[in-house]
Amino acid sequence: YNLQESAGFTLVEIIVAMGLFVIFILFIPYLTMRHYQAYNTQTAQLNVVSDARGTLDDIDSFVRQSNRVVSDYSTYTTGAQTLILQIQSIDSSDNLIAGTYDKVVFYLSGSDFFRQVFPDASSSRLAATKKLASNVTEIIFSYDNLDYLLVRQVTTTISVQENMGGYVRSAVLSSQTKLRNY
C-alpha cells in the first residue's frame, strides 16, 4: 500500500484559484463604475430639482411681498417669460416707505434665469442682479387676470434640465402664489 503526501497545491486547485481571482478582479472595477454612474445620476437629479425649487422659492417670496404686477419697466415687459413686480420700498431700518416702490424683474436669458432689483432712489434695498438657475429650458408665468393691475395670483412653471455623464435629468415644478393682501 503506497501513500503519497502532497507538499503543495494541485494543478486543478491553482487553476480554480486563479479563475476566481480573475473574476473577482474584473468584477470590482465593474461594480465601482456602476456605483459611480448611479451616484452621478442621483447627484444630477438632485441638482436639477434643487435649482428649480430654489428658483420657485425666490419667485414666491417676492410675489408675496409685491403690491402688484407691473406691465412694463425699463426695457422689460411682463409676459409669459418675464415677471415684473412692484414692491414697497424700505428704509434703513427695514420699515416700509409709504407711496414709494421698488421694481423686481424675473427673466430668462438663454438658459439662465435671473432676478434683477431696481430700487427707488429713497429705498435702502440694494440694486442687484442674481442668477437664480442655469439649464432652464422653459419658464412660464401665468396670471389670474389679463389686466396686470388686477392680478392677485401668479402661477410659475419652471423646467430645468441637466446632462450629466450622458444622462439627461430634468424637472418640471410649478407653484401658485398670491400677491400681498390677497
Protein backbone atom coordinates (compact mmCIF):
# COMPACT_ATOMS: atom_id res chain seq x y z
CA TYR A 1 0.00 0.00 0.00
CA ASN A 2 1.51 3.35 -1.12
CA LEU A 3 0.56 6.69 0.45
CA GLN A 4 1.76 9.88 -1.17
CA GLU A 5 1.84 13.07 0.76
CA SER A 6 1.29 16.27 -1.14
CA ALA A 7 3.59 19.11 -0.34
CA GLY A 8 1.72 21.79 -2.41
CA PHE A 9 -1.35 22.59 -4.47
CA THR A 10 -2.53 20.51 -7.36
CA LEU A 11 -2.81 22.00 -10.84
CA VAL A 12 -6.62 21.94 -10.63
CA GLU A 13 -6.58 23.87 -7.35
CA ILE A 14 -4.29 26.52 -8.83
CA ILE A 15 -6.46 26.91 -11.97
CA VAL A 16 -9.63 27.22 -9.89
CA ALA A 17 -8.00 29.76 -7.55
CA MET A 18 -6.70 31.83 -10.48
CA GLY A 19 -10.11 31.74 -12.17
CA LEU A 20 -11.82 33.01 -9.02
CA PHE A 21 -9.15 35.68 -8.62
CA VAL A 22 -9.60 36.90 -12.23
CA ILE A 23 -13.39 37.00 -11.84
CA PHE A 24 -13.01 38.98 -8.61
CA ILE A 25 -10.50 41.42 -10.17
CA LEU A 26 -12.80 42.02 -13.17
CA PHE A 27 -15.91 42.41 -11.01
CA ILE A 28 -14.51 45.13 -8.70
CA PRO A 29 -13.98 47.79 -11.42
CA TYR A 30 -17.39 47.00 -12.92
CA LEU A 31 -19.05 47.35 -9.54
CA THR A 32 -17.16 50.59 -8.84
CA MET A 33 -18.13 52.02 -12.24
CA ARG A 34 -21.81 51.18 -11.72
CA HIS A 35 -21.81 52.82 -8.28
CA TYR A 36 -20.10 55.90 -9.73
CA GLN A 37 -22.72 56.15 -12.51
CA ALA A 38 -25.56 55.75 -10.02
CA TYR A 39 -24.03 58.46 -7.81
CA ASN A 40 -23.66 60.87 -10.75
CA THR A 41 -27.20 60.20 -11.92
CA GLN A 42 -28.67 60.85 -8.49
CA THR A 43 -26.49 63.95 -7.99
CA ALA A 44 -27.64 65.37 -11.33
CA GLN A 45 -31.28 64.74 -10.42
CA LEU A 46 -30.84 66.41 -7.03
CA ASN A 47 -29.13 69.42 -8.65
CA VAL A 48 -31.94 69.82 -11.17
CA VAL A 49 -34.69 69.65 -8.57
CA SER A 50 -32.74 71.88 -6.18
CA ASP A 51 -32.23 74.57 -8.85
CA ALA A 52 -35.90 74.50 -9.79
CA ARG A 53 -37.13 74.52 -6.17
CA GLY A 54 -34.75 77.31 -5.13
CA THR A 55 -35.85 79.43 -8.07
CA LEU A 56 -39.54 78.92 -7.32
CA ASP A 57 -38.97 79.74 -3.65
CA ASP A 58 -37.26 83.01 -4.61
CA ILE A 59 -40.05 84.00 -7.02
CA ASP A 60 -42.74 83.08 -4.49
CA SER A 61 -41.06 85.14 -1.79
CA PHE A 62 -41.05 88.28 -3.93
CA VAL A 63 -44.59 87.71 -5.24
CA ARG A 64 -45.86 87.52 -1.64
CA GLN A 65 -44.19 90.89 -0.90
CA SER A 66 -45.44 92.61 -4.03
CA ASN A 67 -48.27 95.11 -4.27
CA ARG A 68 -48.94 94.41 -7.92
CA VAL A 69 -47.65 93.10 -11.22
CA VAL A 70 -46.33 95.88 -13.45
CA SER A 71 -46.92 95.68 -17.22
CA ASP A 72 -43.51 97.15 -18.14
CA TYR A 73 -40.43 98.72 -16.63
CA SER A 74 -37.25 99.95 -18.34
CA THR A 75 -36.66 97.53 -21.22
CA TYR A 76 -38.74 94.72 -19.71
CA THR A 77 -42.35 93.77 -20.41
CA THR A 78 -44.38 91.39 -18.27
CA GLY A 79 -45.48 88.29 -20.13
CA ALA A 80 -45.18 84.52 -20.19
CA GLN A 81 -41.38 84.57 -19.69
CA THR A 82 -40.92 87.82 -17.78
CA LEU A 83 -42.42 88.93 -14.49
CA ILE A 84 -42.19 92.50 -13.16
CA LEU A 85 -43.29 93.12 -9.59
CA GLN A 86 -43.83 96.32 -7.64
CA ILE A 87 -42.63 96.03 -4.05
CA GLN A 88 -42.93 98.70 -1.41
CA SER A 89 -39.59 100.39 -0.69
CA ILE A 90 -37.87 100.07 2.67
CA ASP A 91 -35.79 102.47 4.75
CA SER A 92 -32.50 101.65 6.50
CA SER A 93 -34.44 100.12 9.44
CA ASP A 94 -36.40 97.84 7.07
CA ASN A 95 -39.58 99.87 7.62
CA LEU A 96 -41.89 100.32 4.65
CA ILE A 97 -41.84 103.72 2.94
CA ALA A 98 -45.41 104.73 2.06
CA GLY A 99 -46.05 105.53 -1.60
CA THR A 100 -42.58 104.50 -2.78
CA TYR A 101 -41.94 101.33 -4.73
CA ASP A 102 -39.06 99.21 -5.98
CA LYS A 103 -39.29 97.00 -9.05
CA VAL A 104 -38.18 93.36 -9.24
CA VAL A 105 -37.83 91.71 -12.64
CA PHE A 106 -37.57 87.96 -13.25
CA TYR A 107 -36.45 86.99 -16.74
CA LEU A 108 -34.92 84.21 -18.82
CA SER A 109 -31.79 84.94 -20.86
CA GLY A 110 -30.74 81.95 -22.95
CA SER A 111 -30.88 79.09 -20.47
CA ASP A 112 -30.08 81.25 -17.44
CA PHE A 113 -32.81 82.67 -15.22
CA PHE A 114 -32.24 85.98 -13.42
CA ARG A 115 -33.75 88.25 -10.79
CA GLN A 116 -32.96 91.95 -11.06
CA VAL A 117 -33.88 94.51 -8.39
CA PHE A 118 -34.39 98.17 -9.29
CA PRO A 119 -34.78 100.17 -6.05
CA ASP A 120 -36.37 103.60 -5.85
CA ALA A 121 -33.91 106.42 -5.07
CA SER A 122 -35.24 106.68 -1.50
CA SER A 123 -35.13 102.93 -0.86
CA SER A 124 -32.47 101.13 1.17
CA ARG A 125 -32.97 97.96 -0.89
CA LEU A 126 -29.84 97.25 -2.92
CA ALA A 127 -29.83 97.16 -6.70
CA ALA A 128 -28.74 93.69 -7.69
CA THR A 129 -28.82 91.10 -10.44
CA LYS A 130 -28.72 87.48 -9.37
CA LYS A 131 -28.63 84.35 -11.50
CA LEU A 132 -31.15 82.01 -9.90
CA ALA A 133 -30.77 78.96 -12.15
CA SER A 134 -28.89 77.55 -15.12
CA ASN A 135 -30.03 74.99 -17.66
CA VAL A 136 -33.59 76.37 -17.66
CA THR A 137 -35.41 75.02 -20.70
CA GLU A 138 -38.69 76.86 -20.06
CA ILE A 139 -40.25 79.33 -17.68
CA ILE A 140 -43.94 80.20 -17.82
CA PHE A 141 -45.64 82.90 -15.80
CA SER A 142 -49.42 82.92 -15.91
CA TYR A 143 -51.76 85.35 -14.21
CA ASP A 144 -55.29 85.11 -12.88
CA ASN A 145 -56.30 88.27 -14.77
CA LEU A 146 -55.34 89.69 -18.17
CA ASP A 147 -55.20 93.19 -16.66
CA TYR A 148 -51.93 93.29 -14.71
CA LEU A 149 -53.34 95.90 -12.31
CA LEU A 150 -55.95 93.34 -11.21
CA VAL A 151 -53.65 90.31 -10.88
CA ARG A 152 -53.96 88.67 -7.46
CA GLN A 153 -52.17 85.39 -8.15
CA VAL A 154 -49.14 84.34 -10.20
CA THR A 155 -48.57 80.76 -11.33
CA THR A 156 -44.97 79.88 -12.19
CA THR A 157 -43.84 76.75 -14.03
CA ILE A 158 -40.15 76.08 -14.49
CA SER A 159 -38.41 73.33 -16.45
CA VAL A 160 -34.75 72.63 -15.72
CA GLN A 161 -32.56 70.07 -17.47
CA GLU A 162 -29.00 68.90 -16.89
CA ASN A 163 -26.81 66.50 -18.86
CA MET A 164 -24.55 64.51 -16.56
CA GLY A 165 -22.31 61.78 -17.89
CA GLY A 166 -24.53 61.02 -20.86
CA TYR A 167 -27.69 61.01 -18.75
CA VAL A 168 -30.22 63.81 -19.13
CA ARG A 169 -32.08 64.69 -15.97
CA SER A 170 -34.96 67.13 -15.93
CA ALA A 171 -37.53 68.50 -13.54
CA VAL A 172 -40.70 70.49 -14.06
CA LEU A 173 -42.04 72.27 -10.98
CA SER A 174 -44.93 74.67 -10.56
CA SER A 175 -46.29 76.94 -7.86
CA GLN A 176 -49.19 79.34 -7.35
CA THR A 177 -48.63 82.36 -5.16
CA LYS A 178 -50.92 85.18 -4.14
CA LEU A 179 -49.76 88.77 -4.08
CA ARG A 180 -49.66 90.67 -0.81
CA ASN A 181 -53.06 91.48 0.72
CA TYR A 182 -54.93 88.88 -1.35
